[in-house]
Amino acid sequence: MCRSIKTLRPPALPEEATEEEIRAAALQFVRKVSGFRAPAAHNQEVFDRAVDEIAGATAGLLDGLEIRGAVRKP
């Protein structure tokens, strides 16, 4: 996979991942899958939508993970 996507869950990150970190990982994923670093103007909308959807799915995943031995914040 893409080496520049870092692990966003504890204990790899001492704190919860920020929205910015989640979006950066989603962007790297879309770039890798699409093969485009920056899409052409006619593909920009679908590219951005994919980043938004993946960022949302990633946030949901991180919120739902149970990390054993870690203290969950309310």
C-alpha atoms as a PDB file:
ATOM      1  CA  MET A   1       0.000   0.000   0.000  1.00  0.00           C
ATOM      2  CA  CYS A   2       1.044   3.606   0.218  1.00  0.00           C
ATOM      3  CA  ARG A   3       3.969   4.045   2.592  1.00  0.00           C
ATOM      4  CA  SER A   4       3.106   7.673   3.293  1.00  0.00           C
ATOM      5  CA  ILE A   5      -0.193   6.742   4.957  1.00  0.00           C
ATOM      6  CA  LYS A   6       0.541   6.481   8.662  1.00  0.00           C
ATOM      7  CA  THR A   7      -1.323   4.491  11.287  1.00  0.00           C
ATOM      8  CA  LEU A   8      -3.933   6.748  12.869  1.00  0.00           C
ATOM      9  CA  ARG A   9      -4.935   4.762  15.943  1.00  0.00           C
ATOM     10  CA  PRO A  10      -3.374   4.421  19.358  1.00  0.00           C
ATOM     11  CA  PRO A  11      -0.769   3.455  20.311  1.00  0.00           C
ATOM     12  CA  ALA A  12       0.791   4.607  17.004  1.00  0.00           C
ATOM     13  CA  LEU A  13      -0.587   8.086  17.748  1.00  0.00           C
ATOM     14  CA  PRO A  14      -0.602   9.171  21.383  1.00  0.00           C
ATOM     15  CA  GLU A  15      -3.764  11.252  20.833  1.00  0.00           C
ATOM     16  CA  GLU A  16      -6.811  10.764  18.632  1.00  0.00           C
ATOM     17  CA  ALA A  17      -6.178  11.448  14.964  1.00  0.00           C
ATOM     18  CA  THR A  18      -7.111  14.937  13.861  1.00  0.00           C
ATOM     19  CA  GLU A  19      -9.464  15.673  10.998  1.00  0.00           C
ATOM     20  CA  GLU A  20      -6.448  16.981   9.086  1.00  0.00           C
ATOM     21  CA  GLU A  21      -4.520  13.713   9.571  1.00  0.00           C
ATOM     22  CA  ILE A  22      -7.535  11.656   8.508  1.00  0.00           C
ATOM     23  CA  ARG A  23      -8.050  13.783   5.390  1.00  0.00           C
ATOM     24  CA  ALA A  24      -4.351  13.573   4.482  1.00  0.00           C
ATOM     25  CA  ALA A  25      -4.490   9.771   4.679  1.00  0.00           C
ATOM     26  CA  ALA A  26      -7.664   9.720   2.556  1.00  0.00           C
ATOM     27  CA  LEU A  27      -6.014  11.961  -0.032  1.00  0.00           C
ATOM     28  CA  GLN A  28      -2.969   9.678  -0.212  1.00  0.00           C
ATOM     29  CA  PHE A  29      -5.240   6.661  -0.657  1.00  0.00           C
ATOM     30  CA  VAL A  30      -7.191   8.292  -3.498  1.00  0.00           C
ATOM     31  CA  ARG A  31      -3.966   9.394  -5.177  1.00  0.00           C
ATOM     32  CA  LYS A  32      -2.591   5.864  -4.980  1.00  0.00           C
ATOM     33  CA  VAL A  33      -5.748   4.165  -6.237  1.00  0.00           C
ATOM     34  CA  SER A  34      -6.447   6.671  -9.024  1.00  0.00           C
ATOM     35  CA  GLY A  35      -2.845   7.000 -10.145  1.00  0.00           C
ATOM     36  CA  PHE A  36      -3.169  10.797 -10.161  1.00  0.00           C
ATOM     37  CA  ARG A  37      -1.297  13.118  -7.842  1.00  0.00           C
ATOM     38  CA  ALA A  38      -3.627  15.919  -8.911  1.00  0.00           C
ATOM     39  CA  PRO A  39      -6.653  15.217 -11.092  1.00  0.00           C
ATOM     40  CA  ALA A  40      -7.494  17.057 -14.286  1.00  0.00           C
ATOM     41  CA  ALA A  41     -10.217  19.695 -13.949  1.00  0.00           C
ATOM     42  CA  HIS A  42     -12.847  17.349 -15.384  1.00  0.00           C
ATOM     43  CA  ASN A  43     -12.051  14.756 -12.673  1.00  0.00           C
ATOM     44  CA  GLN A  44     -11.692  17.148  -9.724  1.00  0.00           C
ATOM     45  CA  GLU A  45     -15.244  16.725  -8.417  1.00  0.00           C
ATOM     46  CA  VAL A  46     -15.173  12.927  -8.328  1.00  0.00           C
ATOM     47  CA  PHE A  47     -11.647  12.984  -6.868  1.00  0.00           C
ATOM     48  CA  ASP A  48     -12.702  15.356  -4.056  1.00  0.00           C
ATOM     49  CA  ARG A  49     -15.867  13.368  -3.379  1.00  0.00           C
ATOM     50  CA  ALA A  50     -13.817  10.174  -3.020  1.00  0.00           C
ATOM     51  CA  VAL A  51     -11.470  11.907  -0.547  1.00  0.00           C
ATOM     52  CA  ASP A  52     -14.472  13.127   1.482  1.00  0.00           C
ATOM     53  CA  GLU A  53     -16.106   9.691   1.528  1.00  0.00           C
ATOM     54  CA  ILE A  54     -12.911   7.892   2.517  1.00  0.00           C
ATOM     55  CA  ALA A  55     -12.162  10.466   5.223  1.00  0.00           C
ATOM     56  CA  GLY A  56     -15.674   9.943   6.612  1.00  0.00           C
ATOM     57  CA  ALA A  57     -15.331   6.168   6.542  1.00  0.00           C
ATOM     58  CA  THR A  58     -11.924   6.419   8.206  1.00  0.00           C
ATOM     59  CA  ALA A  59     -13.272   8.645  10.982  1.00  0.00           C
ATOM     60  CA  GLY A  60     -16.110   6.172  11.545  1.00  0.00           C
ATOM     61  CA  LEU A  61     -13.675   3.286  11.666  1.00  0.00           C
ATOM     62  CA  LEU A  62     -11.408   5.015  14.177  1.00  0.00           C
ATOM     63  CA  ASP A  63     -14.384   6.016  16.339  1.00  0.00           C
ATOM     64  CA  GLY A  64     -15.667   2.449  16.389  1.00  0.00           C
ATOM     65  CA  LEU A  65     -12.416   0.601  17.074  1.00  0.00           C
ATOM     66  CA  GLU A  66     -11.947  -0.874  20.506  1.00  0.00           C
ATOM     67  CA  ILE A  67      -8.286  -0.703  21.406  1.00  0.00           C
ATOM     68  CA  ARG A  68      -7.709  -3.103  24.264  1.00  0.00           C
ATOM     69  CA  GLY A  69      -5.621  -1.694  27.053  1.00  0.00           C
ATOM     70  CA  ALA A  70      -6.251   1.886  25.938  1.00  0.00           C
ATOM     71  CA  VAL A  71      -8.368   4.320  27.902  1.00  0.00           C
ATOM     72  CA  ARG A  72     -11.360   5.489  25.802  1.00  0.00           C
ATOM     73  CA  LYS A  73     -12.288   9.121  25.951  1.00  0.00           C
ATOM     74  CA  PRO A  74     -16.009   9.756  26.428  1.00  0.00           C
END
